[in-house]
């Protein structure tokens, strides 16, 4: 090939479109604007919760606290119901994650076994509830028949299996070479031992993803507590926050209990108390997420390729 022919062939070689500096600048500005739009509500809540009563009542708060004070958080932490509900939320989140990983992991691993009788039919039956729901009234009757009303198990048992999470884990399990399991079987290992000591250590990215999905859902859930729980000591933090938001008292608000009332001091604004409770509720998830981030993207991408 002559030099002129080489030059002509280079003209037809497509180069990656890296974009002009102006395009990169516009994209960077767009991302910056979107980031500010997303972060602003949270900064506003933090500033509102750290502002004094005068600034809150006059609506003189933007993203910086006015008359900095921690009295709103002190008022929240002094309420026994808030602390108890926080512990209930932590307990249901941890137990919910473990229960979800157990059921979903077992179902996903079983659905990958080619020697399982009726594997395709079983997988289809497990996927159907993802598209068709029984409805609220049948679910309510089922919880009543199972005697789960005013029980901590109502937060855990009904939410242990999600078909979408099973599909993610199933797809991830299929990426692991079958030779590893076969070599373990030759050494006398059973299916449970293979799953716990061989498959699970290799699936930490998808385990982190399922844990994050289940944990965020359990932490933010409040509707099930409103339907099935009437005891104040079993209410999760989100249910208490929902009651605080729904209350519309001007200077004092109370949450009724069977044993008494929780009364907020008149020096504290109800608006600031709500914001402080909201920040108090959101911070745990914000603090935990960075520990899952390194596995999160990889697990979602690998688990969703075939699912």
Protein backbone atom coordinates (compact mmCIF):
# COMPACT_ATOMS: atom_id res chain seq x y z
CA UNK A 1 0.00 0.00 0.00
CA UNK A 2 1.43 3.36 -1.06
CA UNK A 3 1.61 6.46 1.14
CA UNK A 4 -1.28 8.15 -0.68
CA UNK A 5 -3.49 5.08 -0.26
CA UNK A 6 -2.70 5.01 3.46
CA UNK A 7 -3.74 8.66 3.82
CA UNK A 8 -6.99 7.97 1.99
CA UNK A 9 -7.77 4.95 4.18
CA UNK A 10 -7.26 7.04 7.31
CA UNK A 11 -10.00 9.38 6.17
CA UNK A 12 -12.53 6.55 6.44
CA UNK A 13 -11.42 5.45 9.91
CA UNK A 14 -13.97 6.73 12.44
CA UNK A 15 -12.49 8.41 15.49
CA UNK A 16 -14.22 8.52 18.83
CA UNK A 17 -16.29 11.65 19.21
CA UNK A 18 -14.79 13.22 22.31
CA UNK A 19 -16.70 16.45 21.85
CA UNK A 20 -15.48 20.02 21.70
CA UNK A 21 -14.35 21.89 24.81
CA UNK A 22 -17.56 23.97 24.63
CA UNK A 23 -19.68 20.80 24.65
CA UNK A 24 -17.77 19.43 27.63
CA UNK A 25 -18.26 22.74 29.43
CA UNK A 26 -22.00 22.74 28.77
CA UNK A 27 -22.33 19.16 29.96
CA UNK A 28 -20.36 19.98 33.10
CA UNK A 29 -22.59 22.97 33.80
CA UNK A 30 -25.69 20.85 33.23
CA UNK A 31 -24.46 18.20 35.68
CA UNK A 32 -23.60 20.93 38.19
CA UNK A 33 -27.07 22.46 37.91
CA UNK A 34 -28.76 19.07 38.32
CA UNK A 35 -26.55 18.32 41.33
CA UNK A 36 -27.53 21.62 42.95
CA UNK A 37 -31.22 20.93 42.30
CA UNK A 38 -30.91 17.51 43.94
CA UNK A 39 -28.85 18.64 46.94
CA UNK A 40 -30.75 21.86 47.67
CA UNK A 41 -33.80 20.25 49.39
CA UNK A 42 -31.57 18.31 51.76
CA UNK A 43 -29.45 21.39 52.56
CA UNK A 44 -32.63 23.36 53.15
CA UNK A 45 -33.90 20.73 55.62
CA UNK A 46 -30.58 20.74 57.47
CA UNK A 47 -30.49 24.55 57.63
CA UNK A 48 -34.13 24.69 58.70
CA UNK A 49 -33.56 22.19 61.50
CA UNK A 50 -30.53 24.13 62.79
CA UNK A 51 -32.24 27.55 62.80
CA UNK A 52 -33.88 29.23 65.76
CA UNK A 53 -37.61 29.62 66.21
CA UNK A 54 -37.74 33.25 65.02
CA UNK A 55 -36.03 32.51 61.71
CA UNK A 56 -38.23 29.47 61.16
CA UNK A 57 -41.47 31.33 61.83
CA UNK A 58 -40.47 34.21 59.54
CA UNK A 59 -39.36 31.79 56.79
CA UNK A 60 -35.97 33.52 56.68
CA UNK A 61 -33.96 30.36 55.98
CA UNK A 62 -32.39 29.32 52.68
CA UNK A 63 -29.43 26.90 52.73
CA UNK A 64 -27.61 28.36 55.72
CA UNK A 65 -28.87 28.21 59.33
CA UNK A 66 -30.13 31.48 60.77
CA UNK A 67 -29.55 31.79 64.50
CA UNK A 68 -27.71 28.48 64.75
CA UNK A 69 -29.12 26.16 67.41
CA UNK A 70 -29.26 22.45 68.14
CA UNK A 71 -32.33 22.70 70.35
CA UNK A 72 -34.54 21.13 67.67
CA UNK A 73 -32.43 17.96 67.58
CA UNK A 74 -32.27 17.94 71.37
CA UNK A 75 -36.05 18.14 71.46
CA UNK A 76 -36.32 15.21 69.05
CA UNK A 77 -33.83 13.07 70.96
CA UNK A 78 -35.65 13.73 74.24
CA UNK A 79 -38.80 12.04 72.95
CA UNK A 80 -38.91 8.42 74.05
CA UNK A 81 -41.14 7.46 71.13
CA UNK A 82 -38.60 8.81 68.61
CA UNK A 83 -35.74 6.81 70.12
CA UNK A 84 -37.85 3.67 70.39
CA UNK A 85 -39.07 4.02 66.80
CA UNK A 86 -35.47 4.50 65.65
CA UNK A 87 -34.50 1.20 67.28
CA UNK A 88 -37.52 -0.50 65.69
CA UNK A 89 -36.46 0.80 62.25
CA UNK A 90 -32.89 -0.41 62.76
CA UNK A 91 -34.11 -3.83 63.89
CA UNK A 92 -36.56 -4.26 60.99
CA UNK A 93 -33.92 -3.12 58.48
CA UNK A 94 -31.25 -5.56 59.70
CA UNK A 95 -33.65 -8.48 60.09
CA UNK A 96 -35.35 -7.65 56.78
CA UNK A 97 -32.04 -7.68 54.91
CA UNK A 98 -31.00 -11.04 56.38
CA UNK A 99 -34.42 -12.59 55.69
CA UNK A 100 -34.47 -11.27 52.12
CA UNK A 101 -30.95 -12.53 51.39
CA UNK A 102 -31.83 -15.95 52.78
CA UNK A 103 -35.06 -16.47 50.81
CA UNK A 104 -33.92 -14.75 47.64
CA UNK A 105 -30.53 -16.46 47.63
CA UNK A 106 -32.03 -19.93 48.10
CA UNK A 107 -34.66 -19.36 45.40
CA UNK A 108 -32.13 -17.90 42.95
CA UNK A 109 -29.65 -20.73 43.48
CA UNK A 110 -32.35 -23.39 43.12
CA UNK A 111 -33.57 -21.83 39.86
CA UNK A 112 -30.05 -22.15 38.38
CA UNK A 113 -29.86 -25.91 38.98
CA UNK A 114 -30.52 -27.72 35.69
CA UNK A 115 -31.29 -30.98 37.52
CA UNK A 116 -34.14 -29.44 39.55
CA UNK A 117 -37.47 -31.05 38.54
CA UNK A 118 -39.92 -28.50 37.19
CA UNK A 119 -37.33 -25.70 37.32
CA UNK A 120 -38.93 -23.61 34.57
CA UNK A 121 -42.43 -23.94 36.02
CA UNK A 122 -41.18 -23.07 39.50
CA UNK A 123 -39.35 -19.99 38.17
CA UNK A 124 -42.50 -18.90 36.32
CA UNK A 125 -44.60 -19.26 39.49
CA UNK A 126 -42.10 -17.16 41.44
CA UNK A 127 -42.11 -14.42 38.77
CA UNK A 128 -45.90 -14.12 38.39
CA UNK A 129 -46.40 -12.04 41.62
CA UNK A 130 -44.03 -9.45 40.18
CA UNK A 131 -46.70 -8.60 37.57
CA UNK A 132 -49.94 -9.58 39.34
CA UNK A 133 -50.69 -8.53 42.91
CA UNK A 134 -53.34 -9.94 45.20
CA UNK A 135 -54.51 -6.48 46.23
CA UNK A 136 -54.75 -4.65 49.52
CA UNK A 137 -57.85 -6.34 50.97
CA UNK A 138 -56.64 -9.95 50.42
CA UNK A 139 -53.27 -8.97 51.89
CA UNK A 140 -54.96 -7.41 54.90
CA UNK A 141 -57.04 -10.55 55.46
CA UNK A 142 -53.95 -12.73 55.07
CA UNK A 143 -52.05 -10.74 57.71
CA UNK A 144 -55.04 -11.12 60.02
CA UNK A 145 -55.24 -14.88 59.45
CA UNK A 146 -51.53 -15.25 60.10
CA UNK A 147 -51.95 -13.35 63.41
CA UNK A 148 -49.32 -10.79 62.43
CA UNK A 149 -51.26 -7.75 63.66
CA UNK A 150 -49.29 -5.80 66.27
CA UNK A 151 -46.32 -8.09 65.75
CA UNK A 152 -42.77 -7.23 64.77
CA UNK A 153 -42.85 -10.12 62.27
CA UNK A 154 -45.32 -8.19 60.11
CA UNK A 155 -42.35 -6.07 59.01
CA UNK A 156 -40.21 -9.08 58.11
CA UNK A 157 -42.18 -12.14 56.97
CA UNK A 158 -44.31 -10.66 54.11
CA UNK A 159 -41.35 -8.86 52.50
CA UNK A 160 -38.76 -11.61 52.37
CA UNK A 161 -39.04 -12.47 48.68
CA UNK A 162 -38.95 -10.16 45.66
CA UNK A 163 -38.98 -11.67 42.19
CA UNK A 164 -36.89 -8.87 40.70
CA UNK A 165 -34.14 -9.43 43.27
CA UNK A 166 -34.27 -13.17 42.55
CA UNK A 167 -33.75 -12.51 38.84
CA UNK A 168 -30.73 -10.34 39.57
CA UNK A 169 -29.15 -12.96 41.83
CA UNK A 170 -30.04 -15.77 39.44
CA UNK A 171 -28.33 -14.03 36.55
CA UNK A 172 -25.26 -13.34 38.67
CA UNK A 173 -25.09 -16.99 39.81
CA UNK A 174 -25.09 -18.08 36.18
CA UNK A 175 -21.87 -16.13 35.54
CA UNK A 176 -19.96 -18.34 38.03
CA UNK A 177 -18.26 -21.32 36.35
CA UNK A 178 -20.08 -24.60 36.98
CA UNK A 179 -16.73 -26.34 37.38
CA UNK A 180 -16.33 -24.82 40.84
CA UNK A 181 -19.51 -26.46 42.10
CA UNK A 182 -18.70 -29.74 40.36
CA UNK A 183 -15.26 -29.94 41.97
CA UNK A 184 -16.85 -29.28 45.37
CA UNK A 185 -19.39 -32.08 44.81
CA UNK A 186 -16.53 -34.47 43.99
CA UNK A 187 -15.07 -33.62 47.38
CA UNK A 188 -18.37 -34.51 49.05
CA UNK A 189 -19.85 -31.04 49.57
CA UNK A 190 -23.63 -30.65 49.58
CA UNK A 191 -25.64 -27.94 47.85
CA UNK A 192 -26.03 -25.80 51.00
CA UNK A 193 -22.29 -25.99 51.70
CA UNK A 194 -21.52 -25.06 48.09
CA UNK A 195 -23.86 -22.09 48.28
CA UNK A 196 -22.48 -20.77 51.57
CA UNK A 197 -18.74 -21.38 51.15
CA UNK A 198 -18.21 -21.17 47.39
CA UNK A 199 -21.01 -19.26 45.66
CA UNK A 200 -21.75 -16.60 48.31
CA UNK A 201 -18.14 -15.30 48.68
CA UNK A 202 -17.99 -14.82 44.91
CA UNK A 203 -21.29 -12.91 44.85
CA UNK A 204 -20.55 -10.02 47.20
CA UNK A 205 -21.41 -7.34 44.56
CA UNK A 206 -24.94 -8.67 43.98
CA UNK A 207 -25.38 -9.35 47.71
CA UNK A 208 -24.51 -5.70 48.35
CA UNK A 209 -27.05 -4.60 45.72
CA UNK A 210 -29.86 -6.73 47.18
CA UNK A 211 -28.96 -5.59 50.69
CA UNK A 212 -29.11 -1.96 49.58
CA UNK A 213 -32.47 -2.41 47.85
CA UNK A 214 -33.99 -4.25 50.80
CA UNK A 215 -32.43 -1.98 53.43
CA UNK A 216 -33.62 1.26 51.83
CA UNK A 217 -37.11 -0.14 51.38
CA UNK A 218 -37.32 -1.40 54.96
CA UNK A 219 -35.98 1.88 56.36
CA UNK A 220 -38.42 4.03 54.41
CA UNK A 221 -41.50 1.80 54.88
CA UNK A 222 -44.38 3.21 56.93
CA UNK A 223 -47.57 2.06 55.18
CA UNK A 224 -47.49 -1.43 56.67
CA UNK A 225 -47.16 0.05 60.16
CA UNK A 226 -50.21 2.22 59.52
CA UNK A 227 -52.27 -0.80 58.43
CA UNK A 228 -51.21 -3.55 60.79
CA UNK A 229 -49.70 -1.92 63.90
CA UNK A 230 -51.49 0.11 66.56
CA UNK A 231 -49.02 -0.27 69.43
CA UNK A 232 -46.84 2.88 69.71
CA UNK A 233 -43.79 0.88 70.84
CA UNK A 234 -43.84 -1.06 67.54
CA UNK A 235 -44.07 1.97 65.26
CA UNK A 236 -40.99 2.49 63.04
CA UNK A 237 -39.35 5.85 62.64
CA UNK A 238 -40.93 6.58 59.27
CA UNK A 239 -44.42 6.06 60.70
CA UNK A 240 -43.67 8.54 63.49
CA UNK A 241 -42.29 11.00 60.94
CA UNK A 242 -45.44 10.59 58.87
CA UNK A 243 -47.54 11.45 61.92
CA UNK A 244 -45.39 14.50 62.60
CA UNK A 245 -45.77 15.72 59.03
CA UNK A 246 -49.52 15.15 59.02
CA UNK A 247 -50.02 17.03 62.26
CA UNK A 248 -50.90 20.71 61.76
CA UNK A 249 -50.78 22.29 65.20
CA UNK A 250 -49.58 25.91 65.34
CA UNK A 251 -47.50 25.98 68.50
CA UNK A 252 -47.82 22.52 70.06
CA UNK A 253 -48.24 19.12 68.53
CA UNK A 254 -48.72 15.78 70.19
CA UNK A 255 -48.73 12.19 69.12
CA UNK A 256 -51.40 10.25 70.98
CA UNK A 257 -50.34 7.13 72.84
CA UNK A 258 -52.21 4.65 74.94
CA UNK A 259 -49.98 5.57 77.89
CA UNK A 260 -49.93 9.32 77.40
CA UNK A 261 -48.96 12.11 75.03
CA UNK A 262 -45.70 13.34 73.59
CA UNK A 263 -45.75 17.11 73.84
CA UNK A 264 -43.30 19.43 72.15
CA UNK A 265 -42.09 22.50 73.93
CA UNK A 266 -43.58 25.81 72.83
CA UNK A 267 -40.07 27.17 72.32
CA UNK A 268 -39.61 24.72 69.45
CA UNK A 269 -41.35 25.31 66.16
CA UNK A 270 -43.31 22.34 64.75
CA UNK A 271 -41.79 23.04 61.33
CA UNK A 272 -38.25 22.84 62.72
CA UNK A 273 -39.09 19.67 64.64
CA UNK A 274 -40.35 18.04 61.47
CA UNK A 275 -37.19 19.02 59.59
CA UNK A 276 -34.98 17.77 62.42
CA UNK A 277 -36.83 14.45 62.45
CA UNK A 278 -36.50 14.23 58.66
CA UNK A 279 -32.74 14.79 58.82
CA UNK A 280 -32.45 12.34 61.71
CA UNK A 281 -34.28 9.77 59.57
CA UNK A 282 -32.23 10.30 56.39
CA UNK A 283 -28.70 10.41 57.82
CA UNK A 284 -28.28 6.65 58.47
CA UNK A 285 -28.89 5.74 54.82
CA UNK A 286 -26.62 8.56 53.63
CA UNK A 287 -23.83 7.36 55.93
CA UNK A 288 -24.17 3.67 55.02
CA UNK A 289 -24.39 4.06 51.22
CA UNK A 290 -20.64 4.80 50.61
CA UNK A 291 -19.73 1.38 52.02
CA UNK A 292 -21.95 -0.33 49.41
CA UNK A 293 -21.04 1.95 46.51
CA UNK A 294 -17.97 -0.01 45.33
CA UNK A 295 -20.12 -3.12 44.81
CA UNK A 296 -23.36 -1.40 43.82
CA UNK A 297 -22.73 -0.44 40.18
CA UNK A 298 -20.92 -3.68 39.35
CA UNK A 299 -23.64 -5.82 40.88
CA UNK A 300 -26.45 -4.01 39.11
CA UNK A 301 -24.74 -4.14 35.71
CA UNK A 302 -23.79 -7.82 35.90
CA UNK A 303 -27.07 -8.91 37.45
CA UNK A 304 -29.19 -6.99 34.95
CA UNK A 305 -27.48 -8.06 31.74
CA UNK A 306 -29.74 -11.08 31.20
CA UNK A 307 -32.50 -10.37 33.70
